[in-house]
Amino acid sequence: MEKEIFNQTNIFFDNESQTQDEAFQSIAKFVSYNGYSTSENDFYEGLKNREKESTTGFKDGIAIPHSNDDSVVKPGLFLVKFSNAIEWDSLDKKPITVAFVLSIPKNGSTEHLKLLSKIARKLMDENFRQTILENEDKVVLATTVDEI
């Protein structure tokens, strides 16, 4: 994984969020803080708008929310682990505890689809999924995500 898209600083442990809306607010703040978006509010709205199209919740407690609003200045991948299970309209109807978040510039939709596809394929790997779901060590998590 390219270091500009993902590195250890793109891992966030969210101990506060209780709802999907709070999770989106927290994610937008983190993405903006890290310089991938120029507007926390626009990124938040982009996450919400994308979710209205169809759910980004997959199964086994994992979601892949993303936004390609005008505030996104560079492509990024973020791993967010939630302390609280977040109700999400996921495919298996179970709450999520992990989100792979994508920031997608308006002109980067091709790369976004490739990355989304790589993540989805990697999520089929039981060892990968279990490491992401069960581990709290940023070094281990970063190394694991780098396998994508």
Protein backbone atom coordinates (compact mmCIF):
# COMPACT_ATOMS: atom_id res chain seq x y z
CA MET A 1 0.00 0.00 0.00
CA GLU A 2 1.34 3.43 -0.92
CA LYS A 3 2.34 5.44 2.17
CA GLU A 4 0.54 8.54 0.84
CA ILE A 5 -2.73 6.59 0.79
CA PHE A 6 -2.31 4.60 4.00
CA ASN A 7 0.14 4.61 6.88
CA GLN A 8 0.03 4.01 10.61
CA THR A 9 -1.22 7.54 11.33
CA ASN A 10 -4.39 6.66 9.37
CA ILE A 11 -5.50 4.29 12.13
CA PHE A 12 -8.02 5.69 14.60
CA PHE A 13 -9.55 4.15 17.71
CA ASP A 14 -12.98 5.73 18.21
CA ASN A 15 -14.00 5.25 21.84
CA GLU A 16 -16.87 7.74 21.76
CA SER A 17 -19.26 7.10 18.85
CA GLN A 18 -22.51 5.30 19.67
CA THR A 19 -24.41 5.82 16.39
CA GLN A 20 -23.64 5.80 12.69
CA ASP A 21 -24.10 9.58 12.56
CA GLU A 22 -21.62 10.08 15.41
CA ALA A 23 -19.24 7.68 13.67
CA PHE A 24 -19.48 9.71 10.44
CA GLN A 25 -18.79 12.94 12.38
CA SER A 26 -15.79 11.37 14.08
CA ILE A 27 -14.45 9.94 10.82
CA ALA A 28 -14.86 13.29 9.02
CA LYS A 29 -12.97 15.07 11.79
CA PHE A 30 -10.13 12.52 11.63
CA VAL A 31 -9.87 12.58 7.81
CA SER A 32 -9.84 16.39 7.78
CA TYR A 33 -7.34 16.58 10.65
CA ASN A 34 -4.99 14.35 8.66
CA GLY A 35 -5.17 16.66 5.62
CA TYR A 36 -7.16 14.50 3.22
CA SER A 37 -10.17 16.82 3.23
CA THR A 38 -10.40 20.61 3.46
CA SER A 39 -13.82 20.51 5.12
CA GLU A 40 -14.88 18.27 7.96
CA ASN A 41 -18.54 19.13 7.32
CA ASP A 42 -18.40 18.45 3.57
CA PHE A 43 -16.71 15.08 4.12
CA TYR A 44 -19.33 14.21 6.75
CA GLU A 45 -22.13 15.12 4.32
CA GLY A 46 -20.39 13.09 1.61
CA LEU A 47 -20.34 10.01 3.87
CA LYS A 48 -24.04 10.44 4.65
CA ASN A 49 -24.99 10.97 1.00
CA ARG A 50 -23.05 7.91 -0.11
CA GLU A 51 -24.78 5.80 2.56
CA LYS A 52 -28.19 6.89 1.22
CA GLU A 53 -27.33 5.32 -2.16
CA SER A 54 -26.73 1.88 -0.62
CA THR A 55 -25.21 0.54 2.54
CA THR A 56 -21.46 0.45 2.97
CA GLY A 57 -21.85 -2.15 5.72
CA PHE A 58 -20.67 -5.57 4.69
CA LYS A 59 -20.62 -8.43 7.16
CA ASP A 60 -18.71 -9.64 10.20
CA GLY A 61 -18.73 -6.16 11.76
CA ILE A 62 -16.97 -4.36 8.90
CA ALA A 63 -18.04 -1.39 6.78
CA ILE A 64 -16.34 0.56 3.97
CA PRO A 65 -17.79 4.09 4.08
CA HIS A 66 -16.39 6.57 1.59
CA SER A 67 -16.81 10.05 0.21
CA ASN A 68 -15.77 11.76 -3.00
CA ASP A 69 -17.06 15.22 -2.16
CA ASP A 70 -15.34 18.38 -3.38
CA SER A 71 -13.40 18.77 -0.12
CA VAL A 72 -11.25 15.67 -0.73
CA VAL A 73 -7.77 16.75 -1.76
CA LYS A 74 -6.03 13.37 -1.96
CA PRO A 75 -6.88 9.67 -1.91
CA GLY A 76 -6.68 7.99 1.45
CA LEU A 77 -7.49 4.80 3.29
CA PHE A 78 -8.24 4.90 7.01
CA LEU A 79 -8.83 2.11 9.48
CA VAL A 80 -11.26 3.05 12.24
CA LYS A 81 -11.94 0.69 15.14
CA PHE A 82 -14.97 1.42 17.29
CA SER A 83 -15.14 0.54 20.99
CA ASN A 84 -18.93 0.48 20.74
CA ALA A 85 -20.77 -1.65 18.22
CA ILE A 86 -22.37 0.75 15.73
CA GLU A 87 -25.78 -0.05 14.28
CA TRP A 88 -25.37 -0.07 10.50
CA ASP A 89 -27.61 -1.31 7.75
CA SER A 90 -25.01 -3.98 6.98
CA LEU A 91 -25.60 -6.91 4.66
CA ASP A 92 -25.76 -9.35 7.58
CA LYS A 93 -27.87 -6.92 9.67
CA LYS A 94 -25.24 -6.89 12.44
CA PRO A 95 -23.52 -3.83 13.94
CA ILE A 96 -20.02 -2.88 12.87
CA THR A 97 -16.86 -2.39 14.92
CA VAL A 98 -14.41 -1.70 12.09
CA ALA A 99 -14.55 0.71 9.16
CA PHE A 100 -12.20 0.97 6.21
CA VAL A 101 -12.79 4.58 5.17
CA LEU A 102 -11.87 5.93 1.74
CA SER A 103 -11.34 9.56 0.80
CA ILE A 104 -11.73 9.86 -2.96
CA PRO A 105 -10.87 12.97 -4.98
CA LYS A 106 -13.36 13.85 -7.70
CA ASN A 107 -10.84 12.85 -10.38
CA GLY A 108 -9.82 9.59 -8.67
CA SER A 109 -12.82 7.33 -9.17
CA THR A 110 -10.88 4.69 -11.14
CA GLU A 111 -8.29 4.28 -8.40
CA HIS A 112 -11.08 4.22 -5.81
CA LEU A 113 -12.81 1.32 -7.55
CA LYS A 114 -9.55 -0.62 -7.71
CA LEU A 115 -8.86 -0.03 -4.00
CA LEU A 116 -12.44 -0.86 -3.02
CA SER A 117 -12.18 -4.11 -5.00
CA LYS A 118 -8.85 -4.99 -3.35
CA ILE A 119 -10.31 -4.39 0.12
CA ALA A 120 -13.40 -6.48 -0.64
CA ARG A 121 -11.24 -9.36 -1.92
CA LYS A 122 -8.93 -9.15 1.10
CA LEU A 123 -11.94 -9.24 3.45
CA MET A 124 -12.68 -12.73 2.16
CA ASP A 125 -9.41 -13.86 3.81
CA GLU A 126 -10.34 -15.19 7.27
CA ASN A 127 -6.90 -14.50 8.80
CA PHE A 128 -6.89 -10.93 7.51
CA ARG A 129 -10.40 -10.28 8.86
CA GLN A 130 -9.64 -11.78 12.27
CA THR A 131 -6.41 -9.79 12.63
CA ILE A 132 -8.23 -6.55 11.80
CA LEU A 133 -11.18 -7.32 14.07
CA GLU A 134 -9.27 -8.61 17.07
CA ASN A 135 -6.03 -6.61 17.17
CA GLU A 136 -5.44 -3.25 18.86
CA ASP A 137 -1.73 -2.86 18.05
CA LYS A 138 -1.22 -0.10 15.46
CA VAL A 139 1.95 -1.70 14.09
CA VAL A 140 0.24 -5.06 13.54
CA LEU A 141 -2.83 -3.37 12.05
CA ALA A 142 -0.74 -1.21 9.70
CA THR A 143 1.28 -4.21 8.56
CA THR A 144 -1.92 -6.16 7.95
CA VAL A 145 -3.58 -3.34 5.98
CA ASP A 146 -0.40 -2.99 3.91
CA GLU A 147 -1.19 -6.49 2.54
CA ILE A 148 -4.12 -5.02 0.58
